[in-house]
Amino acid sequence: MPRTSAIPTAPVPDEGRDGWLELNGLRFHYVSWGQPQSPALVCLHGLRSYARTFAPLAATLSRSFFVIALDQRGRGETDWDPDRNYYADQYVSDLAAFVDRLDLARFHLLGHSMGGVNSILYAARHPGRLLSLILEDSGPGASQNSRGASRINAELASTPASFPDWDSARAFWRSIRPNVTDAAIDSRVANSLKQGADRVEWRHDQAGIALCRLTGDPTRTMPDLWPLIPQITCPALVIRGAESDYLSTETLTAMQAANPRLRGIEVAGAGHYVHDDQPAAFHRAVISFLAGQATAS
């Protein structure tokens, strides 16, 4: 008999307020912190992540910003797509519909990894909407040609469909994220998994996401982002993990050369998951950058 230990909860300073919207035929879940009259910061998570991965950051910003984190389609509490339409163009369409429904005329946008790709695409297509752009370890070519992309693809291919108990689920997350904090593992276990009838199951559409990423439509899997970098017209910050296997120093340098509005920094002791590896340094970088935008305006 598998063990049935209690379902864990993630220890975060403020879990935020849940919200729901019907967008593009699916029911989307989002979490917000702070007051709607404050400047808005929209946060987009990575490939197999969820809105509340940004809860610690939001707790530090909620006095000055209205922080809104979206569970992108097939993740968290948002509906799975029955057509398995997990591609960048659809994510950007979802984001555009989301910010329009929230009536965000202008806002700051932060994206990690896949969320960063979606943020670059949105920034290029909607240049008048963004006050600023923050990319966490994300940039052109990183999701196709990096060691990190190969690692993530291997993880997708080998991830179990379910687990016999919560201890096994936690051990799996720790095995593939050896460097993130214990709090980050707690958050991943609590927010990416759920108790099924007799096993612990994924909240996200693991099979559908893996299919689109590994063997999906090659014309939709990943657009070329290099032509879009010069089209970013707002102030932008790229936060690279100094030990990242995903976004290289050379790519970051080339991004800065392609667009003088873009500033890059590296966080020591962090890999691809900067907000999980070095949360305090990540928070300082985001807060400093956003404070600079407020001063400039």
Protein backbone atom coordinates (compact mmCIF):
# COMPACT_ATOMS: atom_id res chain seq x y z
CA MET A 1 0.00 0.00 0.00
CA PRO A 2 1.37 3.44 -0.87
CA ARG A 3 1.75 5.86 1.95
CA THR A 4 -0.82 8.66 2.18
CA SER A 5 1.02 11.40 4.02
CA ALA A 6 -0.70 14.76 4.38
CA ILE A 7 -0.82 16.98 1.34
CA PRO A 8 1.84 19.66 1.88
CA THR A 9 1.31 23.37 1.72
CA ALA A 10 3.92 25.80 0.49
CA PRO A 11 5.31 28.15 3.17
CA VAL A 12 5.09 31.56 1.54
CA PRO A 13 4.68 34.97 3.16
CA ASP A 14 1.43 35.79 1.35
CA GLU A 15 -0.45 33.35 -0.88
CA GLY A 16 -2.31 36.16 -2.64
CA ARG A 17 -5.86 36.36 -3.95
CA ASP A 18 -7.24 33.83 -6.43
CA GLY A 19 -9.00 35.00 -9.58
CA TRP A 20 -10.62 33.29 -12.56
CA LEU A 21 -11.36 34.38 -16.13
CA GLU A 22 -12.71 32.69 -19.26
CA LEU A 23 -10.20 33.33 -22.05
CA ASN A 24 -9.93 31.74 -25.50
CA GLY A 25 -12.28 28.92 -24.54
CA LEU A 26 -10.54 27.93 -21.28
CA ARG A 27 -10.97 28.86 -17.61
CA PHE A 28 -7.79 30.60 -16.46
CA HIS A 29 -6.59 30.99 -12.89
CA TYR A 30 -4.43 33.85 -11.65
CA VAL A 31 -3.16 35.16 -8.33
CA SER A 32 -2.80 38.80 -7.34
CA TRP A 33 -1.12 40.74 -4.56
CA GLY A 34 -1.28 44.43 -3.67
CA GLN A 35 -3.81 47.02 -4.71
CA PRO A 36 -5.26 47.43 -8.23
CA GLN A 37 -4.58 51.17 -8.19
CA SER A 38 -0.82 50.53 -7.93
CA PRO A 39 1.37 50.03 -11.02
CA ALA A 40 0.79 46.54 -12.39
CA LEU A 41 3.44 43.84 -12.77
CA VAL A 42 2.33 40.73 -14.69
CA CYS A 43 4.42 37.58 -14.11
CA LEU A 44 4.67 34.57 -16.44
CA HIS A 45 6.15 31.30 -15.17
CA GLY A 46 8.24 28.71 -17.00
CA LEU A 47 7.43 25.48 -18.80
CA ARG A 48 6.22 23.32 -15.90
CA SER A 49 5.74 25.97 -13.27
CA TYR A 50 2.74 27.88 -11.90
CA ALA A 51 1.59 31.34 -10.79
CA ARG A 52 2.53 31.03 -7.12
CA THR A 53 6.18 30.42 -7.92
CA PHE A 54 6.32 34.24 -7.77
CA ALA A 55 4.66 34.51 -4.33
CA PRO A 56 7.87 35.40 -2.43
CA LEU A 57 8.68 38.14 -4.96
CA ALA A 58 5.11 39.42 -4.86
CA ALA A 59 5.21 39.64 -1.08
CA THR A 60 8.18 42.01 -1.30
CA LEU A 61 6.52 44.17 -3.98
CA SER A 62 2.88 44.25 -2.92
CA ARG A 63 3.11 47.56 -1.03
CA SER A 64 4.12 49.38 -4.20
CA PHE A 65 2.85 47.20 -7.07
CA PHE A 66 -0.23 45.28 -8.10
CA VAL A 67 1.43 41.94 -8.85
CA ILE A 68 -0.53 39.49 -11.01
CA ALA A 69 0.74 35.99 -11.81
CA LEU A 70 -1.04 33.86 -14.40
CA ASP A 71 -1.32 30.08 -14.49
CA GLN A 72 -0.71 29.67 -18.22
CA ARG A 73 -2.85 27.16 -20.10
CA GLY A 74 -2.48 23.60 -18.90
CA ARG A 75 -0.72 24.63 -15.67
CA GLY A 76 -1.68 25.17 -12.05
CA GLU A 77 -5.42 25.68 -11.64
CA THR A 78 -5.99 26.74 -15.26
CA ASP A 79 -7.81 24.33 -17.57
CA TRP A 80 -5.88 21.82 -19.63
CA ASP A 81 -6.30 22.38 -23.36
CA PRO A 82 -8.15 19.39 -24.88
CA ASP A 83 -6.47 20.19 -28.22
CA ARG A 84 -3.03 20.38 -26.56
CA ASN A 85 -2.38 23.80 -28.03
CA TYR A 86 0.72 24.53 -25.95
CA TYR A 87 2.66 26.80 -28.30
CA ALA A 88 4.13 30.29 -28.02
CA ASP A 89 1.64 31.97 -30.35
CA GLN A 90 -1.27 30.68 -28.26
CA TYR A 91 0.35 31.69 -24.97
CA VAL A 92 0.78 35.23 -26.29
CA SER A 93 -2.84 35.31 -27.43
CA ASP A 94 -3.84 34.24 -23.92
CA LEU A 95 -1.70 36.96 -22.35
CA ALA A 96 -3.15 39.62 -24.66
CA ALA A 97 -6.70 38.55 -23.76
CA PHE A 98 -5.81 38.39 -20.06
CA VAL A 99 -4.41 41.92 -19.73
CA ASP A 100 -7.27 43.30 -21.83
CA ARG A 101 -9.85 41.65 -19.56
CA LEU A 102 -8.09 43.12 -16.53
CA ASP A 103 -8.09 46.50 -18.28
CA LEU A 104 -4.36 47.00 -17.86
CA ALA A 105 -3.65 49.92 -20.18
CA ARG A 106 0.09 49.81 -19.39
CA PHE A 107 2.01 47.45 -17.17
CA HIS A 108 5.37 45.91 -16.31
CA LEU A 109 5.95 42.35 -17.55
CA LEU A 110 8.23 39.67 -16.08
CA GLY A 111 8.78 36.25 -17.62
CA HIS A 112 10.94 33.27 -16.67
CA SER A 113 12.21 30.81 -19.31
CA MET A 114 9.14 29.94 -21.44
CA GLY A 115 7.39 32.89 -19.84
CA GLY A 116 10.28 35.05 -21.02
CA VAL A 117 9.81 33.84 -24.60
CA ASN A 118 6.12 34.75 -24.38
CA SER A 119 7.06 38.12 -22.91
CA ILE A 120 9.47 38.92 -25.76
CA LEU A 121 6.80 38.06 -28.31
CA TYR A 122 4.22 40.21 -26.52
CA ALA A 123 6.63 43.13 -26.16
CA ALA A 124 7.38 43.12 -29.88
CA ARG A 125 3.72 42.86 -30.89
CA HIS A 126 2.33 45.37 -28.36
CA PRO A 127 5.07 47.99 -27.93
CA GLY A 128 2.79 50.63 -26.47
CA ARG A 129 1.52 48.52 -23.58
CA LEU A 130 4.65 47.83 -21.57
CA LEU A 131 6.21 50.13 -19.00
CA SER A 132 9.15 47.75 -18.74
CA LEU A 133 10.19 44.17 -19.43
CA ILE A 134 12.09 41.78 -17.15
CA LEU A 135 13.41 38.51 -18.55
CA GLU A 136 14.61 35.86 -16.10
CA ASP A 137 17.19 33.64 -17.79
CA SER A 138 15.46 33.75 -21.16
CA GLY A 139 16.53 34.85 -24.62
CA PRO A 140 16.87 33.94 -28.30
CA GLY A 141 17.94 30.40 -29.07
CA ALA A 142 18.13 29.32 -25.43
CA SER A 143 15.18 26.94 -25.66
CA GLN A 144 16.56 25.27 -28.79
CA ASN A 145 20.33 25.21 -28.73
CA SER A 146 21.48 25.21 -25.11
CA ARG A 147 22.55 22.47 -22.74
CA GLY A 148 19.69 23.57 -20.53
CA ALA A 149 17.17 22.95 -23.30
CA SER A 150 18.54 19.44 -23.78
CA ARG A 151 18.34 18.85 -20.03
CA ILE A 152 14.73 20.05 -19.87
CA ASN A 153 13.74 17.91 -22.85
CA ALA A 154 15.30 14.87 -21.19
CA GLU A 155 13.36 15.65 -18.02
CA LEU A 156 10.12 15.88 -19.97
CA ALA A 157 10.74 12.54 -21.64
CA SER A 158 11.55 10.73 -18.39
CA THR A 159 9.09 12.32 -15.94
CA PRO A 160 6.76 9.78 -14.27
CA ALA A 161 3.04 10.22 -14.94
CA SER A 162 2.32 9.96 -11.19
CA PHE A 163 3.87 8.98 -7.85
CA PRO A 164 2.90 6.47 -5.16
CA ASP A 165 3.09 9.09 -2.38
CA TRP A 166 4.11 12.66 -1.55
CA ASP A 167 7.58 11.69 -0.39
CA SER A 168 8.29 10.16 -3.79
CA ALA A 169 6.98 13.25 -5.53
CA ARG A 170 9.17 15.51 -3.43
CA ALA A 171 12.20 13.30 -4.05
CA PHE A 172 11.62 13.55 -7.80
CA TRP A 173 11.53 17.36 -7.72
CA ARG A 174 14.68 17.46 -5.61
CA SER A 175 16.44 15.06 -8.00
CA ILE A 176 15.94 17.35 -10.99
CA ARG A 177 16.30 20.64 -9.08
CA PRO A 178 19.26 19.91 -6.80
CA ASN A 179 20.29 23.53 -6.28
CA VAL A 180 17.03 25.33 -5.50
CA THR A 181 16.09 26.20 -1.93
CA ASP A 182 14.02 23.89 0.26
CA ALA A 183 11.27 26.51 0.21
CA ALA A 184 11.24 26.33 -3.59
CA ILE A 185 10.88 22.54 -3.47
CA ASP A 186 8.05 22.90 -0.94
CA SER A 187 6.33 25.33 -3.29
CA ARG A 188 6.75 23.05 -6.31
CA VAL A 189 5.36 20.04 -4.46
CA ALA A 190 2.36 21.97 -3.13
CA ASN A 191 1.51 23.79 -6.35
CA SER A 192 2.43 21.39 -9.16
CA LEU A 193 0.91 18.19 -7.73
CA LYS A 194 -2.41 16.96 -6.34
CA GLN A 195 -3.78 13.91 -4.59
CA GLY A 196 -5.52 11.53 -6.96
CA ALA A 197 -7.62 8.50 -6.09
CA ASP A 198 -4.62 6.45 -4.95
CA ARG A 199 -1.55 8.27 -6.33
CA VAL A 200 -0.08 11.77 -6.43
CA GLU A 201 -0.70 13.33 -9.83
CA TRP A 202 0.47 16.39 -11.77
CA ARG A 203 -1.68 19.50 -11.79
CA HIS A 204 -0.24 20.48 -15.16
CA ASP A 205 -0.85 18.62 -18.41
CA GLN A 206 2.44 16.76 -18.31
CA ALA A 207 1.71 14.54 -21.33
CA GLY A 208 0.38 17.36 -23.50
CA ILE A 209 3.19 19.77 -22.65
CA ALA A 210 5.81 17.08 -23.33
CA LEU A 211 4.18 16.18 -26.64
CA CYS A 212 4.18 19.77 -27.92
CA ARG A 213 7.74 20.39 -26.77
CA LEU A 214 9.31 17.13 -27.96
CA THR A 215 7.34 16.01 -31.03
CA GLY A 216 4.88 18.81 -31.74
CA ASP A 217 4.29 20.96 -34.80
CA PRO A 218 7.81 22.14 -35.82
CA THR A 219 6.40 25.34 -37.35
CA ARG A 220 5.00 26.39 -33.97
CA THR A 221 7.39 25.02 -31.37
CA MET A 222 9.64 28.08 -31.10
CA PRO A 223 9.85 31.28 -33.15
CA ASP A 224 13.15 33.00 -33.95
CA LEU A 225 13.42 35.71 -31.29
CA TRP A 226 16.51 37.50 -32.61
CA PRO A 227 14.59 39.80 -35.01
CA LEU A 228 12.31 40.78 -32.12
CA ILE A 229 14.98 41.95 -29.68
CA PRO A 230 15.54 45.31 -31.50
CA GLN A 231 11.75 45.79 -31.56
CA ILE A 232 11.50 46.02 -27.77
CA THR A 233 10.84 49.71 -27.16
CA CYS A 234 10.49 49.77 -23.36
CA PRO A 235 13.29 49.62 -20.77
CA ALA A 236 14.29 45.97 -20.32
CA LEU A 237 16.33 43.93 -17.87
CA VAL A 238 17.68 40.41 -18.39
CA ILE A 239 18.58 38.57 -15.18
CA ARG A 240 20.90 35.67 -15.97
CA GLY A 241 21.96 33.00 -13.52
CA ALA A 242 25.75 33.10 -13.56
CA GLU A 243 25.80 29.28 -13.60
CA SER A 244 22.95 28.90 -16.08
CA ASP A 245 23.10 26.11 -18.64
CA TYR A 246 20.28 27.79 -20.57
CA LEU A 247 21.04 31.43 -21.32
CA SER A 248 24.71 31.95 -22.11
CA THR A 249 26.79 35.01 -21.34
CA GLU A 250 27.44 35.34 -25.08
CA THR A 251 23.71 35.44 -25.84
CA LEU A 252 23.12 38.03 -23.14
CA THR A 253 25.92 40.20 -24.54
CA ALA A 254 24.50 39.88 -28.05
CA MET A 255 21.02 40.84 -26.82
CA GLN A 256 22.43 44.01 -25.27
CA ALA A 257 24.29 44.83 -28.47
CA ALA A 258 21.08 44.39 -30.47
CA ASN A 259 19.06 46.75 -28.27
CA PRO A 260 20.54 49.59 -26.19
CA ARG A 261 17.39 49.70 -24.02
CA LEU A 262 18.24 46.27 -22.69
CA ARG A 263 20.37 45.92 -19.57
CA GLY A 264 21.81 42.62 -18.39
CA ILE A 265 22.99 41.39 -15.00
CA GLU A 266 24.21 38.04 -13.71
CA VAL A 267 23.33 36.62 -10.30
CA ALA A 268 26.15 34.67 -8.66
CA GLY A 269 25.33 31.21 -7.39
CA ALA A 270 22.22 30.88 -9.56
CA GLY A 271 21.46 28.64 -12.50
CA HIS A 272 18.44 28.74 -14.79
CA TYR A 273 15.99 29.05 -11.88
CA VAL A 274 17.27 32.34 -10.49
CA HIS A 275 14.22 33.15 -8.36
CA ASP A 276 14.47 29.70 -6.76
CA ASP A 277 18.27 29.44 -6.51
CA GLN A 278 19.03 32.91 -5.11
CA PRO A 279 15.69 34.50 -4.19
CA ALA A 280 17.09 37.41 -2.18
CA ALA A 281 19.44 38.50 -4.97
CA PHE A 282 16.67 38.04 -7.56
CA HIS A 283 14.29 40.18 -5.52
CA ARG A 284 16.91 42.92 -5.12
CA ALA A 285 17.52 43.00 -8.87
CA VAL A 286 13.82 43.25 -9.70
CA ILE A 287 13.12 45.86 -7.01
CA SER A 288 16.08 48.01 -8.05
CA PHE A 289 15.11 47.92 -11.71
CA LEU A 290 11.45 48.74 -11.06
CA ALA A 291 12.42 51.55 -8.68
CA GLY A 292 14.55 52.99 -11.46
CA GLN A 293 11.56 52.99 -13.81
CA ALA A 294 9.47 54.84 -11.25
CA THR A 295 12.21 57.43 -10.83
CA ALA A 296 12.56 57.84 -14.59
CA SER A 297 8.83 58.40 -15.04
